[in-house]
PDB file of all heavy atoms in Angstrom:
ATOM      1  N   CYS A   1     -88.292  73.153  -5.922  1.00  0.00           N
ATOM      2  CA  CYS A   1     -88.880  74.218  -5.185  1.00  0.00           C
ATOM      3  C   CYS A   1     -87.978  75.395  -4.974  1.00  0.00           C
ATOM      4  O   CYS A   1     -86.745  75.254  -5.110  1.00  0.00           O
ATOM      5  CB  CYS A   1     -89.429  73.784  -3.793  1.00  0.00           C
ATOM      6  SG  CYS A   1     -90.602  72.417  -3.888  1.00  0.00           S
ATOM      7  N   GLU A   2     -88.535  76.568  -4.646  1.00  0.00           N
ATOM      8  CA  GLU A   2     -87.716  77.754  -4.326  1.00  0.00           C
ATOM      9  C   GLU A   2     -87.849  77.992  -2.853  1.00  0.00           C
ATOM     10  O   GLU A   2     -88.637  77.477  -2.109  1.00  0.00           O
ATOM     11  CB  GLU A   2     -88.233  78.953  -5.131  1.00  0.00           C
ATOM     12  CG  GLU A   2     -88.212  78.820  -6.606  1.00  0.00           C
ATOM     13  CD  GLU A   2     -86.746  78.582  -7.128  1.00  0.00           C
ATOM     14  OE1 GLU A   2     -85.843  79.247  -6.568  1.00  0.00           O
ATOM     15  OE2 GLU A   2     -86.586  77.813  -8.083  1.00  0.00           O
ATOM     16  N   ALA A   3     -86.844  78.856  -2.340  1.00  0.00           N
ATOM     17  CA  ALA A   3     -86.862  79.216  -0.924  1.00  0.00           C
ATOM     18  C   ALA A   3     -88.166  79.908  -0.544  1.00  0.00           C
ATOM     19  O   ALA A   3     -88.690  80.771  -1.303  1.00  0.00           O
ATOM     20  CB  ALA A   3     -85.692  80.194  -0.673  1.00  0.00           C
ATOM     21  N   GLY A   4     -88.704  79.498   0.539  1.00  0.00           N
ATOM     22  CA  GLY A   4     -90.034  79.990   1.055  1.00  0.00           C
ATOM     23  C   GLY A   4     -91.238  79.286   0.609  1.00  0.00           C
ATOM     24  O   GLY A   4     -92.350  79.499   1.102  1.00  0.00           O
ATOM     25  N   ASP A   5     -91.087  78.371  -0.394  1.00  0.00           N
ATOM     26  CA  ASP A   5     -92.256  77.571  -0.852  1.00  0.00           C
ATOM     27  C   ASP A   5     -92.803  76.694   0.264  1.00  0.00           C
ATOM     28  O   ASP A   5     -92.057  76.302   1.195  1.00  0.00           O
ATOM     29  CB  ASP A   5     -91.861  76.679  -1.999  1.00  0.00           C
ATOM     30  CG  ASP A   5     -91.649  77.459  -3.332  1.00  0.00           C
ATOM     31  OD1 ASP A   5     -91.944  78.686  -3.328  1.00  0.00           O
ATOM     32  OD2 ASP A   5     -91.227  76.879  -4.310  1.00  0.00           O
ATOM     33  N   ILE A   6     -94.085  76.416   0.218  1.00  0.00           N
ATOM     34  CA  ILE A   6     -94.726  75.578   1.248  1.00  0.00           C
ATOM     35  C   ILE A   6     -95.021  74.237   0.574  1.00  0.00           C
ATOM     36  O   ILE A   6     -95.832  74.123  -0.287  1.00  0.00           O
ATOM     37  CB  ILE A   6     -96.069  76.229   1.676  1.00  0.00           C
ATOM     38  CG1 ILE A   6     -95.871  77.719   2.056  1.00  0.00           C
ATOM     39  CG2 ILE A   6     -96.696  75.459   2.831  1.00  0.00           C
ATOM     40  CD1 ILE A   6     -97.153  78.500   2.142  1.00  0.00           C
ATOM     41  N   TRP A   7     -94.314  73.237   1.092  1.00  0.00           N
ATOM     42  CA  TRP A   7     -94.510  71.867   0.639  1.00  0.00           C
ATOM     43  C   TRP A   7     -95.294  70.978   1.621  1.00  0.00           C
ATOM     44  O   TRP A   7     -95.143  71.176   2.851  1.00  0.00           O
ATOM     45  CB  TRP A   7     -93.126  71.159   0.373  1.00  0.00           C
ATOM     46  CG  TRP A   7     -93.267  69.885  -0.404  1.00  0.00           C
ATOM     47  CD1 TRP A   7     -93.148  69.701  -1.743  1.00  0.00           C
ATOM     48  CD2 TRP A   7     -93.505  68.552   0.164  1.00  0.00           C
ATOM     49  NE1 TRP A   7     -93.288  68.373  -2.098  1.00  0.00           N
ATOM     50  CE2 TRP A   7     -93.588  67.668  -0.941  1.00  0.00           C
ATOM     51  CE3 TRP A   7     -93.707  68.105   1.424  1.00  0.00           C
ATOM     52  CZ2 TRP A   7     -93.786  66.267  -0.766  1.00  0.00           C
ATOM     53  CZ3 TRP A   7     -93.970  66.710   1.614  1.00  0.00           C
ATOM     54  CH2 TRP A   7     -93.957  65.886   0.504  1.00  0.00           C
ATOM     55  N   ARG A   8     -96.165  70.155   1.112  1.00  0.00           N
ATOM     56  CA  ARG A   8     -96.899  69.297   2.042  1.00  0.00           C
ATOM     57  C   ARG A   8     -97.185  67.878   1.422  1.00  0.00           C
ATOM     58  O   ARG A   8     -97.329  67.738   0.219  1.00  0.00           O
ATOM     59  CB  ARG A   8     -98.190  69.931   2.533  1.00  0.00           C
ATOM     60  CG  ARG A   8     -99.276  70.014   1.500  1.00  0.00           C
ATOM     61  CD  ARG A   8    -100.585  70.539   2.079  1.00  0.00           C
ATOM     62  NE  ARG A   8    -101.626  70.671   1.104  1.00  0.00           N
ATOM     63  CZ  ARG A   8    -102.457  71.684   0.951  1.00  0.00           C
ATOM     64  NH1 ARG A   8    -102.375  72.721   1.783  1.00  0.00           N
ATOM     65  NH2 ARG A   8    -103.366  71.708   0.030  1.00  0.00           N
ATOM     66  N   MET A   9     -97.337  66.979   2.343  1.00  0.00           N
ATOM     67  CA  MET A   9     -97.932  65.647   1.954  1.00  0.00           C
ATOM     68  C   MET A   9     -99.176  65.416   2.667  1.00  0.00           C
ATOM     69  O   MET A   9     -99.374  65.696   3.876  1.00  0.00           O
ATOM     70  CB  MET A   9     -96.928  64.556   2.302  1.00  0.00           C
ATOM     71  CG  MET A   9     -97.567  63.135   2.148  1.00  0.00           C
ATOM     72  SD  MET A   9     -96.455  61.827   2.544  1.00  0.00           S
ATOM     73  CE  MET A   9     -95.414  61.723   1.070  1.00  0.00           C
ATOM     74  N   SER A  10    -100.181  64.969   1.883  1.00  0.00           N
ATOM     75  CA  SER A  10    -101.451  64.497   2.455  1.00  0.00           C
ATOM     76  C   SER A  10    -101.692  63.043   2.251  1.00  0.00           C
ATOM     77  O   SER A  10    -101.096  62.462   1.355  1.00  0.00           O
ATOM     78  CB  SER A  10    -102.615  65.239   1.788  1.00  0.00           C
ATOM     79  OG  SER A  10    -102.484  66.661   1.937  1.00  0.00           O
ATOM     80  N   ARG A  11    -102.514  62.389   3.110  1.00  0.00           N
ATOM     81  CA  ARG A  11    -102.675  60.959   3.071  1.00  0.00           C
ATOM     82  C   ARG A  11    -104.171  60.654   3.145  1.00  0.00           C
ATOM     83  O   ARG A  11    -104.946  61.290   3.782  1.00  0.00           O
ATOM     84  CB  ARG A  11    -101.906  60.273   4.230  1.00  0.00           C
ATOM     85  CG  ARG A  11    -100.471  60.723   4.358  1.00  0.00           C
ATOM     86  CD  ARG A  11     -99.821  60.329   5.627  1.00  0.00           C
ATOM     87  NE  ARG A  11     -99.728  58.836   5.771  1.00  0.00           N
ATOM     88  CZ  ARG A  11     -99.151  58.212   6.836  1.00  0.00           C
ATOM     89  NH1 ARG A  11     -98.704  58.970   7.826  1.00  0.00           N
ATOM     90  NH2 ARG A  11     -99.194  56.900   6.931  1.00  0.00           N
ATOM     91  N   ALA A  12    -104.502  59.452   2.484  1.00  0.00           N
ATOM     92  CA  ALA A  12    -105.873  58.951   2.654  1.00  0.00           C
ATOM     93  C   ALA A  12    -105.717  57.427   2.626  1.00  0.00           C
ATOM     94  O   ALA A  12    -105.209  56.817   1.698  1.00  0.00           O
ATOM     95  CB  ALA A  12    -106.773  59.367   1.538  1.00  0.00           C
ATOM     96  N   LYS A  13    -106.149  56.730   3.731  1.00  0.00           N
ATOM     97  CA  LYS A  13    -105.964  55.302   3.898  1.00  0.00           C
ATOM     98  C   LYS A  13    -107.089  54.564   3.259  1.00  0.00           C
ATOM     99  O   LYS A  13    -108.286  55.041   3.095  1.00  0.00           O
ATOM    100  CB  LYS A  13    -105.823  55.014   5.366  1.00  0.00           C
ATOM    101  CG  LYS A  13    -104.634  55.670   6.036  1.00  0.00           C
ATOM    102  CD  LYS A  13    -104.557  55.362   7.543  1.00  0.00           C
ATOM    103  CE  LYS A  13    -103.310  55.941   8.108  1.00  0.00           C
ATOM    104  NZ  LYS A  13    -103.265  57.419   8.080  1.00  0.00           N
ATOM    105  N   ASP A  14    -106.804  53.292   2.902  1.00  0.00           N
ATOM    106  CA  ASP A  14    -107.751  52.501   2.086  1.00  0.00           C
ATOM    107  C   ASP A  14    -109.003  52.122   2.796  1.00  0.00           C
ATOM    108  O   ASP A  14    -110.132  52.173   2.275  1.00  0.00           O
ATOM    109  CB  ASP A  14    -106.988  51.223   1.637  1.00  0.00           C
ATOM    110  CG  ASP A  14    -107.756  50.451   0.598  1.00  0.00           C
ATOM    111  OD1 ASP A  14    -108.065  51.039  -0.462  1.00  0.00           O
ATOM    112  OD2 ASP A  14    -108.122  49.294   0.804  1.00  0.00           O
ATOM    113  N   ILE A  15    -108.830  51.729   4.115  1.00  0.00           N
ATOM    114  CA  ILE A  15    -110.132  51.316   4.882  1.00  0.00           C
ATOM    115  C   ILE A  15    -111.086  52.423   5.058  1.00  0.00           C
ATOM    116  O   ILE A  15    -112.299  52.253   4.740  1.00  0.00           O
ATOM    117  CB  ILE A  15    -109.721  50.685   6.242  1.00  0.00           C
ATOM    118  CG1 ILE A  15    -109.043  49.357   6.063  1.00  0.00           C
ATOM    119  CG2 ILE A  15    -110.969  50.558   7.114  1.00  0.00           C
ATOM    120  CD1 ILE A  15    -108.499  48.786   7.323  1.00  0.00           C
ATOM    121  N   PRO A  16    -110.669  53.665   5.392  1.00  0.00           N
ATOM    122  CA  PRO A  16    -111.640  54.798   5.407  1.00  0.00           C
ATOM    123  C   PRO A  16    -112.250  55.134   4.099  1.00  0.00           C
ATOM    124  O   PRO A  16    -113.402  55.504   3.923  1.00  0.00           O
ATOM    125  CB  PRO A  16    -110.737  55.962   5.954  1.00  0.00           C
ATOM    126  CG  PRO A  16    -109.693  55.294   6.738  1.00  0.00           C
ATOM    127  CD  PRO A  16    -109.387  54.044   5.943  1.00  0.00           C
ATOM    128  N   ILE A  17    -111.393  55.014   2.945  1.00  0.00           N
ATOM    129  CA  ILE A  17    -111.919  55.320   1.642  1.00  0.00           C
ATOM    130  C   ILE A  17    -113.019  54.305   1.301  1.00  0.00           C
ATOM    131  O   ILE A  17    -114.105  54.696   0.774  1.00  0.00           O
ATOM    132  CB  ILE A  17    -110.782  55.242   0.565  1.00  0.00           C
ATOM    133  CG1 ILE A  17    -109.786  56.355   0.805  1.00  0.00           C
ATOM    134  CG2 ILE A  17    -111.354  55.309  -0.854  1.00  0.00           C
ATOM    135  CD1 ILE A  17    -108.475  56.237   0.004  1.00  0.00           C
ATOM    136  N   LYS A  18    -112.808  53.083   1.496  1.00  0.00           N
ATOM    137  CA  LYS A  18    -113.859  52.044   1.217  1.00  0.00           C
ATOM    138  C   LYS A  18    -115.092  52.338   2.042  1.00  0.00           C
ATOM    139  O   LYS A  18    -116.220  52.177   1.539  1.00  0.00           O
ATOM    140  CB  LYS A  18    -113.303  50.691   1.452  1.00  0.00           C
ATOM    141  CG  LYS A  18    -114.259  49.530   1.056  1.00  0.00           C
ATOM    142  CD  LYS A  18    -113.590  48.185   1.162  1.00  0.00           C
ATOM    143  CE  LYS A  18    -114.542  47.079   0.628  1.00  0.00           C
ATOM    144  NZ  LYS A  18    -113.940  45.721   0.759  1.00  0.00           N
ATOM    145  N   ASP A  19    -114.899  52.658   3.321  1.00  0.00           N
ATOM    146  CA  ASP A  19    -116.073  52.939   4.175  1.00  0.00           C
ATOM    147  C   ASP A  19    -116.807  54.169   3.642  1.00  0.00           C
ATOM    148  O   ASP A  19    -118.040  54.222   3.715  1.00  0.00           O
ATOM    149  CB  ASP A  19    -115.618  53.148   5.602  1.00  0.00           C
ATOM    150  CG  ASP A  19    -116.725  53.506   6.577  1.00  0.00           C
ATOM    151  OD1 ASP A  19    -117.553  52.587   6.899  1.00  0.00           O
ATOM    152  OD2 ASP A  19    -116.893  54.721   6.920  1.00  0.00           O
ATOM    153  N   TRP A  20    -116.140  55.217   3.190  1.00  0.00           N
ATOM    154  CA  TRP A  20    -116.743  56.401   2.581  1.00  0.00           C
ATOM    155  C   TRP A  20    -117.582  56.032   1.380  1.00  0.00           C
ATOM    156  O   TRP A  20    -118.717  56.570   1.243  1.00  0.00           O
ATOM    157  CB  TRP A  20    -115.543  57.341   2.286  1.00  0.00           C
ATOM    158  CG  TRP A  20    -115.828  58.573   1.430  1.00  0.00           C
ATOM    159  CD1 TRP A  20    -116.521  59.671   1.816  1.00  0.00           C
ATOM    160  CD2 TRP A  20    -115.319  58.776   0.131  1.00  0.00           C
ATOM    161  NE1 TRP A  20    -116.441  60.589   0.775  1.00  0.00           N
ATOM    162  CE2 TRP A  20    -115.687  60.090  -0.236  1.00  0.00           C
ATOM    163  CE3 TRP A  20    -114.493  58.058  -0.756  1.00  0.00           C
ATOM    164  CZ2 TRP A  20    -115.332  60.686  -1.497  1.00  0.00           C
ATOM    165  CZ3 TRP A  20    -114.123  58.678  -1.986  1.00  0.00           C
ATOM    166  CH2 TRP A  20    -114.597  59.906  -2.279  1.00  0.00           C
ATOM    167  N   ILE A  21    -117.084  55.177   0.520  1.00  0.00           N
ATOM    168  CA  ILE A  21    -117.772  54.741  -0.589  1.00  0.00           C
ATOM    169  C   ILE A  21    -119.067  54.018  -0.190  1.00  0.00           C
ATOM    170  O   ILE A  21    -120.222  54.211  -0.774  1.00  0.00           O
ATOM    171  CB  ILE A  21    -116.900  53.813  -1.519  1.00  0.00           C
ATOM    172  CG1 ILE A  21    -115.721  54.639  -2.002  1.00  0.00           C
ATOM    173  CG2 ILE A  21    -117.696  53.246  -2.665  1.00  0.00           C
ATOM    174  CD1 ILE A  21    -114.613  53.750  -2.575  1.00  0.00           C
ATOM    175  N   ARG A  22    -119.000  53.138   0.783  1.00  0.00           N
ATOM    176  CA  ARG A  22    -120.152  52.382   1.301  1.00  0.00           C
ATOM    177  C   ARG A  22    -121.154  53.361   1.829  1.00  0.00           C
ATOM    178  O   ARG A  22    -122.316  53.222   1.479  1.00  0.00           O
ATOM    179  CB  ARG A  22    -119.718  51.438   2.460  1.00  0.00           C
ATOM    180  CG  ARG A  22    -120.871  50.778   3.221  1.00  0.00           C
ATOM    181  CD  ARG A  22    -120.416  50.097   4.430  1.00  0.00           C
ATOM    182  NE  ARG A  22    -119.884  50.942   5.468  1.00  0.00           N
ATOM    183  CZ  ARG A  22    -120.660  51.691   6.330  1.00  0.00           C
ATOM    184  NH1 ARG A  22    -121.977  51.643   6.251  1.00  0.00           N
ATOM    185  NH2 ARG A  22    -120.161  52.502   7.201  1.00  0.00           N
ATOM    186  N   LEU A  23    -120.771  54.309   2.608  1.00  0.00           N
ATOM    187  CA  LEU A  23    -121.729  55.313   3.182  1.00  0.00           C
ATOM    188  C   LEU A  23    -122.492  56.063   2.089  1.00  0.00           C
ATOM    189  O   LEU A  23    -123.645  56.346   2.164  1.00  0.00           O
ATOM    190  CB  LEU A  23    -120.975  56.276   4.071  1.00  0.00           C
ATOM    191  CG  LEU A  23    -120.752  55.939   5.537  1.00  0.00           C
ATOM    192  CD1 LEU A  23    -119.981  57.100   6.160  1.00  0.00           C
ATOM    193  CD2 LEU A  23    -122.065  55.817   6.316  1.00  0.00           C
ATOM    194  N   ALA A  24    -121.707  56.456   1.094  1.00  0.00           N
ATOM    195  CA  ALA A  24    -122.287  57.133  -0.057  1.00  0.00           C
ATOM    196  C   ALA A  24    -123.439  56.391  -0.688  1.00  0.00           C
ATOM    197  O   ALA A  24    -124.549  56.923  -0.977  1.00  0.00           O
ATOM    198  CB  ALA A  24    -121.216  57.501  -1.052  1.00  0.00           C
ATOM    199  N   PHE A  25    -123.183  55.149  -1.005  1.00  0.00           N
ATOM    200  CA  PHE A  25    -124.189  54.311  -1.690  1.00  0.00           C
ATOM    201  C   PHE A  25    -125.353  53.946  -0.745  1.00  0.00           C
ATOM    202  O   PHE A  25    -126.544  53.859  -1.208  1.00  0.00           O
ATOM    203  CB  PHE A  25    -123.545  53.071  -2.305  1.00  0.00           C
ATOM    204  CG  PHE A  25    -122.605  53.389  -3.457  1.00  0.00           C
ATOM    205  CD1 PHE A  25    -121.388  52.761  -3.510  1.00  0.00           C
ATOM    206  CD2 PHE A  25    -122.893  54.380  -4.332  1.00  0.00           C
ATOM    207  CE1 PHE A  25    -120.504  53.077  -4.570  1.00  0.00           C
ATOM    208  CE2 PHE A  25    -122.013  54.729  -5.404  1.00  0.00           C
ATOM    209  CZ  PHE A  25    -120.799  54.086  -5.508  1.00  0.00           C
ATOM    210  N   GLU A  26    -125.044  53.758   0.508  1.00  0.00           N
ATOM    211  CA  GLU A  26    -126.169  53.550   1.521  1.00  0.00           C
ATOM    212  C   GLU A  26    -127.097  54.703   1.550  1.00  0.00           C
ATOM    213  O   GLU A  26    -128.307  54.598   1.617  1.00  0.00           O
ATOM    214  CB  GLU A  26    -125.620  53.125   2.800  1.00  0.00           C
ATOM    215  CG  GLU A  26    -124.959  51.711   2.876  1.00  0.00           C
ATOM    216  CD  GLU A  26    -124.570  51.342   4.266  1.00  0.00           C
ATOM    217  OE1 GLU A  26    -124.676  52.140   5.227  1.00  0.00           O
ATOM    218  OE2 GLU A  26    -124.053  50.227   4.459  1.00  0.00           O
ATOM    219  N   ARG A  27    -126.510  55.833   1.659  1.00  0.00           N
ATOM    220  CA  ARG A  27    -127.288  57.096   1.755  1.00  0.00           C
ATOM    221  C   ARG A  27    -128.025  57.333   0.517  1.00  0.00           C
ATOM    222  O   ARG A  27    -129.245  57.677   0.551  1.00  0.00           O
ATOM    223  CB  ARG A  27    -126.444  58.311   2.033  1.00  0.00           C
ATOM    224  CG  ARG A  27    -127.071  59.675   2.098  1.00  0.00           C
ATOM    225  CD  ARG A  27    -128.244  59.761   3.073  1.00  0.00           C
ATOM    226  NE  ARG A  27    -128.021  59.237   4.362  1.00  0.00           N
ATOM    227  CZ  ARG A  27    -128.952  59.100   5.276  1.00  0.00           C
ATOM    228  NH1 ARG A  27    -130.220  59.379   5.009  1.00  0.00           N
ATOM    229  NH2 ARG A  27    -128.713  58.612   6.452  1.00  0.00           N
ATOM    230  N   GLY A  28    -127.484  57.007  -0.668  1.00  0.00           N
ATOM    231  CA  GLY A  28    -128.156  57.083  -1.920  1.00  0.00           C
ATOM    232  C   GLY A  28    -129.373  56.189  -2.007  1.00  0.00           C
ATOM    233  O   GLY A  28    -130.469  56.584  -2.480  1.00  0.00           O
TER     234      GLY A  28
END
């Protein structure tokens, strides 16, 4: 990176991801 750049980390946990998938198919 260069000076002034904006660096970030994002996260997504496994249990919420699995629940999201469940919700999608249930709504479908």
